[in-house]
Protein backbone atom coordinates (compact mmCIF):
# COMPACT_ATOMS: atom_id res chain seq x y z
CA UNK A 1 18.17 -14.10 6.49
CA UNK A 2 16.54 -15.21 9.74
CA UNK A 3 17.59 -16.33 13.19
CA UNK A 4 17.23 -20.00 14.26
CA UNK A 5 13.67 -20.94 15.12
CA UNK A 6 12.81 -22.05 18.64
CA UNK A 7 11.08 -25.44 18.17
CA UNK A 8 8.58 -24.68 20.96
CA UNK A 9 6.65 -22.33 18.69
CA UNK A 10 5.31 -25.22 16.64
CA UNK A 11 2.49 -26.00 19.09
CA UNK A 12 -0.69 -23.94 18.56
CA UNK A 13 -1.49 -21.43 21.30
CA UNK A 14 -4.99 -20.71 22.62
CA UNK A 15 -5.88 -17.92 20.18
CA UNK A 16 -4.80 -20.06 17.21
CA UNK A 17 -6.88 -23.00 18.42
CA UNK A 18 -9.75 -20.54 18.88
CA UNK A 19 -9.66 -19.55 15.20
CA UNK A 20 -9.14 -23.16 14.08
CA UNK A 21 -12.36 -24.07 15.94
CA UNK A 22 -14.07 -21.04 14.44
CA UNK A 23 -13.76 -22.57 10.99
CA UNK A 24 -15.02 -25.95 12.22
CA UNK A 25 -18.04 -24.27 13.86
CA UNK A 26 -19.14 -22.43 10.71
CA UNK A 27 -17.21 -19.21 11.09
CA UNK A 28 -15.31 -17.56 8.25
CA UNK A 29 -11.88 -16.78 9.78
CA UNK A 30 -10.25 -15.52 6.56
CA UNK A 31 -9.76 -11.76 6.34
CA UNK A 32 -8.18 -9.59 3.68
CA UNK A 33 -6.26 -6.39 3.09
CA UNK A 34 -6.12 -4.85 -0.35
CA UNK A 35 -4.97 -1.80 -2.25
CA UNK A 36 -5.88 -0.25 -5.60
CA UNK A 37 -3.27 1.36 -7.83
CA UNK A 38 -3.56 3.71 -10.78
CA UNK A 39 -0.85 1.97 -12.77
CA UNK A 40 0.28 -1.56 -13.63
CA UNK A 41 2.28 -3.53 -11.07
CA UNK A 42 4.86 -5.99 -12.37
CA UNK A 43 3.44 -9.46 -11.65
CA UNK A 44 6.78 -11.26 -11.93
CA UNK A 45 8.50 -8.87 -9.53
CA UNK A 46 5.61 -8.98 -7.06
CA UNK A 47 5.73 -12.79 -7.12
CA UNK A 48 9.47 -12.66 -6.39
CA UNK A 49 8.84 -10.22 -3.55
CA UNK A 50 6.25 -12.55 -1.97
CA UNK A 51 8.56 -15.55 -2.32
CA UNK A 52 11.45 -13.57 -0.82
CA UNK A 53 9.49 -12.40 2.20
CA UNK A 54 7.52 -15.57 2.93
CA UNK A 55 10.37 -17.47 4.69
CA UNK A 56 10.54 -14.64 7.23
CA UNK A 57 6.92 -15.33 8.26
CA UNK A 58 6.78 -19.09 8.98
CA UNK A 59 3.13 -19.29 10.10
CA UNK A 60 1.93 -17.95 6.76
CA UNK A 61 3.47 -20.90 4.93
CA UNK A 62 2.15 -23.52 7.36
CA UNK A 63 -0.96 -25.61 7.90
CA UNK A 64 -2.41 -27.14 11.08
CA UNK A 65 -1.78 -30.83 11.78
CA UNK A 66 -2.32 -33.22 14.69
CA UNK A 67 0.91 -33.90 16.61
CA UNK A 68 1.78 -36.10 19.59
CA UNK A 69 0.83 -33.36 22.05
CA UNK A 70 -2.03 -31.68 20.22
CA UNK A 71 -2.28 -29.38 17.23
CA UNK A 72 0.97 -28.16 15.67
CA UNK A 73 2.10 -26.04 12.76
CA UNK A 74 3.48 -27.96 9.80
CA UNK A 75 5.51 -26.06 7.20
CA UNK A 76 4.56 -26.43 3.52
CA UNK A 77 7.72 -26.22 1.46
CA UNK A 78 6.35 -24.70 -1.75
CA UNK A 79 2.84 -23.41 -1.05
CA UNK A 80 0.96 -21.98 -4.08
CA UNK A 81 0.58 -18.50 -2.59
CA UNK A 82 0.65 -16.06 -5.52
CA UNK A 83 -2.03 -15.70 -8.20
CA UNK A 84 -2.23 -13.20 -11.07
CA UNK A 85 -5.28 -12.50 -13.21
CA UNK A 86 -5.72 -10.05 -16.09
CA UNK A 87 -9.20 -8.50 -16.24
CA UNK A 88 -10.88 -6.13 -18.66
CA UNK A 89 -11.32 -3.24 -16.24
CA UNK A 90 -10.90 -2.16 -12.64
CA UNK A 91 -12.94 0.77 -11.43
CA UNK A 92 -11.39 3.85 -9.90
CA UNK A 93 -12.43 4.05 -6.22
CA UNK A 94 -14.87 6.88 -5.50
CA UNK A 95 -16.97 8.00 -2.51
CA UNK A 96 -20.17 6.06 -1.96
CA UNK A 97 -21.18 2.41 -1.92
CA UNK A 98 -19.79 -0.43 -4.01
CA UNK A 99 -19.64 -4.20 -3.59
CA UNK A 100 -16.50 -6.35 -3.30
CA UNK A 101 -15.78 -10.05 -3.55
CA UNK A 102 -15.52 -11.63 -0.09
CA UNK A 103 -12.25 -13.31 0.90
CA UNK A 104 -11.91 -16.84 -0.47
CA UNK A 105 -12.04 -19.77 1.96
CA UNK A 106 -8.72 -21.23 3.18
CA UNK A 107 -8.77 -24.74 4.67
CA UNK A 108 -6.03 -24.36 7.25
CA UNK A 109 -5.85 -28.14 7.86
CA UNK A 110 -4.67 -28.76 4.30
CA UNK A 111 -3.22 -25.54 2.90
CA UNK A 112 -1.13 -22.56 3.91
CA UNK A 113 -3.02 -19.71 5.55
CA UNK A 114 -2.15 -17.05 2.97
CA UNK A 115 -3.12 -16.11 -0.57
CA UNK A 116 -1.81 -13.10 -2.53
CA UNK A 117 -3.92 -12.10 -5.53
CA UNK A 118 -2.87 -9.52 -8.12
CA UNK A 119 -5.38 -8.20 -10.67
CA UNK A 120 -4.23 -6.03 -13.54
CA UNK A 121 -6.56 -4.52 -16.12
CA UNK A 122 -6.58 -3.29 -19.68
CA UNK A 123 -7.48 0.19 -18.41
CA UNK A 124 -4.12 0.51 -16.67
CA UNK A 125 -5.02 -0.30 -13.08
CA UNK A 126 -3.95 -2.88 -10.48
CA UNK A 127 -5.43 -4.37 -7.32
CA UNK A 128 -3.48 -6.41 -4.78
CA UNK A 129 -5.34 -8.47 -2.19
CA UNK A 130 -3.70 -10.34 0.70
CA UNK A 131 -5.98 -12.99 2.26
CA UNK A 132 -5.04 -14.47 5.64
CA UNK A 133 -6.42 -17.25 7.81
CA UNK A 134 -6.79 -15.74 11.27
CA UNK A 135 -5.16 -18.75 12.95
CA UNK A 136 -1.90 -17.66 11.29
CA UNK A 137 -1.98 -13.97 12.06
CA UNK A 138 -4.01 -11.02 13.23
CA UNK A 139 -4.45 -7.74 11.37
CA UNK A 140 -1.25 -6.17 12.66
CA UNK A 141 0.76 -9.24 11.66
CA UNK A 142 -0.89 -9.21 8.24
CA UNK A 143 0.01 -5.54 7.87
CA UNK A 144 3.62 -6.40 8.71
CA UNK A 145 3.75 -8.99 5.92
CA UNK A 146 2.01 -6.59 3.53
CA UNK A 147 4.60 -3.92 4.33
CA UNK A 148 7.50 -6.34 3.85
CA UNK A 149 6.18 -7.37 0.43
CA UNK A 150 5.64 -3.84 -0.92
CA UNK A 151 8.99 -2.69 0.46
CA UNK A 152 10.74 -5.66 -1.17
CA UNK A 153 8.87 -5.03 -4.43
CA UNK A 154 10.13 -1.43 -4.51
CA UNK A 155 13.66 -2.58 -3.67
CA UNK A 156 13.66 -5.20 -6.43
CA UNK A 157 12.46 -2.63 -8.96
CA UNK A 158 15.21 -0.20 -7.96
CA UNK A 159 17.92 -2.84 -7.63
CA UNK A 160 18.58 -1.88 -4.00
CA UNK A 161 17.73 -5.13 -2.22
CA UNK A 162 19.38 -5.93 1.09
CA UNK A 163 19.39 -8.83 3.49
CA UNK A 164 17.03 -8.52 6.46
CA UNK A 165 16.96 -10.26 9.81
CA UNK A 166 13.66 -11.00 11.50
CA UNK A 167 13.32 -12.21 15.08
CA UNK A 168 11.51 -15.47 14.46
CA UNK A 169 12.09 -16.56 18.07
CA UNK A 170 9.39 -14.00 18.88
CA UNK A 171 6.97 -16.69 17.68
CA UNK A 172 7.58 -18.59 20.92
CA UNK A 173 6.22 -15.58 22.88
CA UNK A 174 2.98 -15.16 20.93
CA UNK A 175 0.86 -17.00 23.51
CA UNK A 176 2.14 -14.93 26.44
CA UNK A 177 0.72 -11.53 27.35
CA UNK A 178 2.25 -9.14 29.83
CA UNK A 179 0.32 -6.93 32.22
CA UNK A 180 0.67 -3.29 31.10
CA UNK A 181 3.57 -1.47 32.74
CA UNK A 182 2.71 -0.04 36.14
CA UNK A 183 -0.54 -2.02 36.46
CA UNK A 184 -1.21 -4.93 38.84
CA UNK A 185 -2.47 -8.20 37.30
CA UNK A 186 -6.24 -8.63 37.09
CA UNK A 187 -7.28 -10.63 40.13
CA UNK A 188 -10.13 -13.08 40.65
CA UNK A 189 -12.58 -10.47 41.94
CA UNK A 190 -11.93 -8.04 39.08
CA UNK A 191 -11.95 -10.87 36.55
CA UNK A 192 -15.32 -12.20 37.78
CA UNK A 193 -16.78 -8.69 37.63
CA UNK A 194 -15.61 -8.34 34.02
CA UNK A 195 -17.05 -11.76 33.20
CA UNK A 196 -20.45 -10.82 34.64
CA UNK A 197 -20.49 -7.58 32.63
CA UNK A 198 -19.78 -9.69 29.53
CA UNK A 199 -22.42 -12.41 29.95
CA UNK A 200 -25.29 -10.92 31.98
CA UNK A 201 -28.62 -10.59 30.17
CA UNK A 202 -29.19 -11.58 26.55
CA UNK A 203 -27.42 -10.43 23.41
CA UNK A 204 -29.38 -8.90 20.54
CA UNK A 205 -29.42 -10.87 17.31
CA UNK A 206 -29.76 -9.26 13.89
CA UNK A 207 -32.88 -10.64 12.25
CA UNK A 208 -32.31 -12.88 9.19
CA UNK A 209 -33.84 -11.82 5.89
CA UNK A 210 -34.76 -15.43 5.17
CA UNK A 211 -34.49 -18.72 7.10
CA UNK A 212 -31.42 -20.86 6.48
CA UNK A 213 -33.67 -23.58 5.03
CA UNK A 214 -34.82 -21.19 2.29
CA UNK A 215 -31.31 -20.45 1.03
CA UNK A 216 -30.54 -21.53 -2.51
CA UNK A 217 -27.71 -24.11 -2.74
CA UNK A 218 -25.69 -21.53 -4.69
CA UNK A 219 -25.77 -19.25 -1.61
CA UNK A 220 -22.72 -20.87 -0.05
CA UNK A 221 -21.74 -19.81 3.45
CA UNK A 222 -18.51 -18.67 1.88
CA UNK A 223 -20.38 -16.20 -0.34
CA UNK A 224 -20.92 -13.39 2.12
CA UNK A 225 -21.88 -9.98 0.78
CA UNK A 226 -19.27 -7.23 1.22
CA UNK A 227 -20.29 -3.59 0.81
CA UNK A 228 -17.64 -0.88 0.73
CA UNK A 229 -18.22 2.77 1.66
CA UNK A 230 -15.56 5.40 0.94
CA UNK A 231 -16.11 8.62 2.88
CA UNK A 232 -15.75 11.86 0.95
CA UNK A 233 -13.06 14.38 1.85
CA UNK A 234 -15.39 16.63 3.87
CA UNK A 235 -16.58 13.72 6.01
CA UNK A 236 -12.99 12.68 6.65
CA UNK A 237 -11.96 16.22 7.60
CA UNK A 238 -14.94 16.51 9.96
CA UNK A 239 -13.97 13.28 11.74
CA UNK A 240 -10.29 14.27 11.94
CA UNK A 241 -11.16 17.68 13.40
CA UNK A 242 -13.39 16.05 16.00
CA UNK A 243 -10.69 13.56 17.02
CA UNK A 244 -8.18 16.38 17.53
CA UNK A 245 -10.69 18.55 19.38
CA UNK A 246 -12.15 15.83 21.62
CA UNK A 247 -8.95 13.78 22.12
CA UNK A 248 -10.92 10.61 21.42
CA UNK A 249 -9.51 7.86 19.20
CA UNK A 250 -11.19 6.67 16.02
CA UNK A 251 -12.00 3.26 17.47
CA UNK A 252 -14.15 4.91 20.18
CA UNK A 253 -16.06 6.96 17.62
CA UNK A 254 -16.65 3.99 15.33
CA UNK A 255 -17.81 1.79 18.21
CA UNK A 256 -20.36 4.42 19.23
CA UNK A 257 -21.50 4.72 15.59
CA UNK A 258 -21.99 0.93 15.50
CA UNK A 259 -24.34 1.06 18.51
CA UNK A 260 -26.36 3.86 16.90
CA UNK A 261 -26.55 1.90 13.64
CA UNK A 262 -27.72 -1.29 15.39
CA UNK A 263 -30.40 0.61 17.30
CA UNK A 264 -31.61 2.42 14.18
CA UNK A 265 -31.60 -0.57 11.83
CA UNK A 266 -32.96 -3.24 14.20
CA UNK A 267 -36.43 -4.06 15.37
CA UNK A 268 -37.26 -2.69 18.86
CA UNK A 269 -35.49 -4.72 21.55
CA UNK A 270 -36.78 -5.76 24.98
CA UNK A 271 -35.36 -3.54 27.72
CA UNK A 272 -32.94 -6.17 29.04
CA UNK A 273 -31.36 -7.09 25.71
CA UNK A 274 -27.83 -5.87 24.92
CA UNK A 275 -26.24 -4.82 21.67
CA UNK A 276 -22.87 -6.59 21.92
CA UNK A 277 -19.88 -5.47 19.83
CA UNK A 278 -16.72 -7.58 19.69
CA UNK A 279 -13.73 -5.25 19.30
CA UNK A 280 -10.23 -6.68 18.60
CA UNK A 281 -7.42 -5.07 20.63
CA UNK A 282 -3.73 -5.16 19.64
CA UNK A 283 -1.68 -6.63 22.51
CA UNK A 284 1.76 -6.05 21.03
CA UNK A 285 4.48 -4.46 23.12
CA UNK A 286 7.73 -2.79 22.11
CA UNK A 287 9.44 -6.18 22.35
CA UNK A 288 7.11 -7.48 19.61
CA UNK A 289 8.04 -4.83 17.05
CA UNK A 290 10.18 -7.22 14.97
CA UNK A 291 7.84 -10.19 15.34
CA UNK A 292 6.81 -12.05 12.17
CA UNK A 293 3.14 -12.32 11.23
CA UNK A 294 1.32 -14.00 14.13
CA UNK A 295 -1.52 -13.50 16.57
CA UNK A 296 -0.96 -10.99 19.39
CA UNK A 297 -4.59 -9.96 19.64
CA UNK A 298 -7.16 -9.74 22.42
CA UNK A 299 -10.87 -8.99 22.43
CA UNK A 300 -13.12 -6.52 24.20
CA UNK A 301 -16.87 -7.06 24.49
CA UNK A 302 -18.60 -3.68 24.50
CA UNK A 303 -22.26 -4.12 25.48
CA UNK A 304 -25.02 -1.54 25.81
CA UNK A 305 -28.81 -1.62 26.04
CA UNK A 306 -30.77 0.85 23.95
CA UNK A 307 -31.76 2.61 27.19
CA UNK A 308 -28.14 3.00 28.36
CA UNK A 309 -27.59 6.30 26.56
CA UNK A 310 -29.64 9.45 26.17
CA UNK A 311 -27.50 11.20 23.55
CA UNK A 312 -24.63 10.24 21.23
CA UNK A 313 -22.31 12.24 23.53
CA UNK A 314 -23.32 10.07 26.51
CA UNK A 315 -22.76 6.94 24.45
CA UNK A 316 -19.34 8.01 23.19
CA UNK A 317 -18.09 8.96 26.67
CA UNK A 318 -19.32 5.66 28.08
CA UNK A 319 -17.67 3.62 25.31
CA UNK A 320 -14.42 5.60 25.56
CA UNK A 321 -14.27 5.07 29.33
CA UNK A 322 -14.68 1.30 28.98
CA UNK A 323 -12.09 1.00 26.21
CA UNK A 324 -9.61 3.13 28.18
CA UNK A 325 -10.01 0.65 31.02
CA UNK A 326 -9.50 -2.28 28.63
CA UNK A 327 -6.27 -0.77 27.28
CA UNK A 328 -4.95 0.36 30.66
CA UNK A 329 -5.53 -2.93 32.49
CA UNK A 330 -4.83 -5.33 29.63
CA UNK A 331 -8.35 -6.77 29.98
CA UNK A 332 -8.48 -7.80 26.32
CA UNK A 333 -6.16 -10.72 27.09
CA UNK A 334 -8.62 -12.21 29.61
CA UNK A 335 -10.78 -14.04 27.05
CA UNK A 336 -7.93 -16.24 25.83
CA UNK A 337 -6.74 -16.85 29.39
CA UNK A 338 -10.24 -18.10 30.15
CA UNK A 339 -10.23 -20.26 27.02
CA UNK A 340 -6.95 -21.87 28.12
CA UNK A 341 -8.48 -22.77 31.49
CA UNK A 342 -11.72 -24.16 30.08
CA UNK A 343 -9.89 -26.19 27.39
CA UNK A 344 -8.67 -28.45 30.21
CA UNK A 345 -12.24 -29.51 31.05
CA UNK A 346 -13.57 -32.12 28.57
CA UNK A 347 -16.54 -30.92 26.50
CA UNK A 348 -16.90 -27.69 28.54
CA UNK A 349 -15.44 -25.36 25.90
CA UNK A 350 -17.68 -26.73 23.16
CA UNK A 351 -20.76 -26.21 25.35
CA UNK A 352 -19.76 -22.64 26.27
CA UNK A 353 -18.99 -21.64 22.68
CA UNK A 354 -22.33 -23.04 21.50
CA UNK A 355 -24.29 -21.38 24.32
CA UNK A 356 -24.20 -17.98 22.61
CA UNK A 357 -23.07 -16.17 25.78
CA UNK A 358 -19.94 -15.02 24.00
CA UNK A 359 -21.50 -14.57 20.57
CA UNK A 360 -21.72 -10.83 19.81
CA UNK A 361 -24.27 -8.96 17.72
CA UNK A 362 -21.54 -7.71 15.37
CA UNK A 363 -17.79 -7.19 15.24
CA UNK A 364 -15.90 -3.96 14.65
CA UNK A 365 -12.26 -3.83 13.56
CA UNK A 366 -10.72 -0.36 13.36
CA UNK A 367 -7.41 0.08 11.52
CA UNK A 368 -6.90 3.78 12.06
CA UNK A 369 -3.11 3.98 12.01
CA UNK A 370 -2.34 2.33 8.68
CA UNK A 371 -0.15 5.07 7.24
CA UNK A 372 1.76 4.39 4.04
CA UNK A 373 5.31 5.64 4.04
CA UNK A 374 8.93 4.75 3.27
CA UNK A 375 8.63 1.50 5.21
CA UNK A 376 6.06 0.38 2.61
CA UNK A 377 8.32 1.21 -0.31
CA UNK A 378 6.10 4.10 -1.45
CA UNK A 379 7.22 7.64 -2.18
CA UNK A 380 5.32 10.91 -1.99
CA UNK A 381 5.45 12.47 -5.47
CA UNK A 382 3.49 15.65 -6.21
CA UNK A 383 1.26 14.98 -3.24
CA UNK A 384 0.51 11.39 -4.29
CA UNK A 385 1.79 8.14 -2.75
CA UNK A 386 3.47 6.10 -5.47
CA UNK A 387 4.78 2.53 -5.60
CA UNK A 388 7.26 2.43 -8.48
CA UNK A 389 5.16 4.80 -10.59
CA UNK A 390 1.75 3.39 -9.62
CA UNK A 391 -0.42 5.74 -7.56
CA UNK A 392 -2.02 4.26 -4.44
CA UNK A 393 -5.76 5.00 -4.70
CA UNK A 394 -7.28 3.00 -1.87
CA UNK A 395 -6.38 0.79 1.08
CA UNK A 396 -9.10 -1.30 2.75
CA UNK A 397 -9.65 -4.40 4.85
CA UNK A 398 -12.39 -7.03 5.19
CA UNK A 399 -12.68 -8.56 8.65
CA UNK A 400 -13.36 -12.24 9.43
CA UNK A 401 -16.85 -13.28 10.51
CA UNK A 402 -17.05 -15.43 13.67
CA UNK A 403 -19.53 -18.31 14.07
CA UNK A 404 -23.08 -17.10 14.58
CA UNK A 405 -22.22 -13.44 13.90
CA UNK A 406 -23.91 -12.11 10.75
CA UNK A 407 -22.09 -8.76 10.46
CA UNK A 408 -18.40 -7.82 10.57
CA UNK A 409 -17.43 -4.15 10.11
CA UNK A 410 -13.97 -2.86 9.22
CA UNK A 411 -12.86 0.76 9.30
CA UNK A 412 -9.57 1.53 7.55
CA UNK A 413 -7.98 4.95 7.91
CA UNK A 414 -4.94 5.38 5.67
CA UNK A 415 -3.22 8.56 4.49
CA UNK A 416 -6.19 10.87 4.80
CA UNK A 417 -8.83 8.44 3.53
CA UNK A 418 -11.40 6.37 5.45
CA UNK A 419 -12.91 3.22 3.95
CA UNK A 420 -15.62 1.17 5.66
CA UNK A 421 -16.47 -2.41 4.69
CA UNK A 422 -19.56 -4.29 5.87
CA UNK A 423 -19.34 -8.09 5.58
CA UNK A 424 -22.79 -9.65 5.95
CA UNK A 425 -23.99 -13.24 5.98
CA UNK A 426 -26.21 -14.09 3.01
CA UNK A 427 -28.86 -15.45 5.40
CA UNK A 428 -29.16 -12.05 7.09
CA UNK A 429 -28.44 -9.55 4.34
CA UNK A 430 -29.29 -8.84 0.75
CA UNK A 431 -27.61 -5.95 -1.06
CA UNK A 432 -30.32 -3.42 -0.15
CA UNK A 433 -30.23 -4.25 3.54
CA UNK A 434 -26.43 -4.26 3.76
CA UNK A 435 -26.35 -0.89 1.97
CA UNK A 436 -28.87 0.50 4.47
CA UNK A 437 -26.76 -0.67 7.41
CA UNK A 438 -23.64 0.84 5.84
CA UNK A 439 -25.29 4.15 5.03
CA UNK A 440 -26.64 4.34 8.58
CA UNK A 441 -23.16 3.63 9.96
CA UNK A 442 -21.62 6.44 7.88
CA UNK A 443 -24.36 8.87 8.93
CA UNK A 444 -23.89 7.97 12.58
CA UNK A 445 -20.14 8.62 12.33
CA UNK A 446 -21.10 12.21 11.56
CA UNK A 447 -23.73 12.24 14.33
CA UNK A 448 -21.16 11.15 16.91
CA UNK A 449 -18.68 13.77 15.71
CA UNK A 450 -21.24 16.56 16.03
């Protein structure tokens, strides 16, 4: 059951238009979240769970259309969301490097921005992947839908389903961001200073492995390479101990590790060139806790020259200080406020987005608080998280890749495990190079924590 929907939510807000343009400009705005299970999930029940939950998340069953006053969301009554495939085998996740299929393309102008794919194998394993178009939702909204589906699946299997109410009127608030409690709004002077820090100098670009003209026609832009790295238990314990001891958060550590990786794996840069990392920031407040899947995300640009740090400790403290400021002052919302202003000037936004001033070297998405529990329908049995008898082996995400950005990194920390995925453009990475970047990233996580 859901509350009546405020009709004003139908018009796309700035962040949704931003991701719609991303697709038109050559970006790959589809991201995914997936889990592996030691056990067979019931495909019919999972399909029913998806169909039961989908009406509570209207944007995930909608496409983008032109309306009288601009772009609007148009509901698709019976979108083909769920797919089930039976395969010969699914490997058991283990520490080290492996390669995954990238998220499939979703054309948001003609189809709903969600796909749920279940794979079951003859060797008794299952994999569930949720693929989202970023115009419909950010990572936290996708996690909310994911949680609703697994919780409903468990309830259907146990026969304990109950009616739920979701505040769909929260969709009308998704384009509005509040200044953090106790903080004054960011004024013109502070905003211009932040803008200058973001655009001064030049951004480093990862060198392509081969020119775009040399790509084989089979190397579609939608066929990115995705390498996955699962940290072993000792590496995870070392990071956890450091976080407790230093009182840093995982996002700070992983951002510092990204800078070290870029410096180590890139050709020497001129002194004035910046490594630029785009870091998504969750802008949800307590009032958004019941919100359906949607975008409540901001962005921080973290930029450093190779000469800006002497040691990993210096780098980490510098990064942590900047990100504390971003969180405290709500600075991550400034990019979309700027986009809203520039959208009113004909042709200006297109010129700015194509200029490269706001195109980062790489993106880093850190999902460090994804903890499975009762709200996900799983139970702890003999020290193992189980979903109706199937053991949860792995949880991981694959981030979207913005236009002109060849590398998107995702760090997923869930129930004592850390999984890192590196999504690389085929023009800039082959398997060997992407593996080298990933291995360097994992090594630099340890360097930062030492």
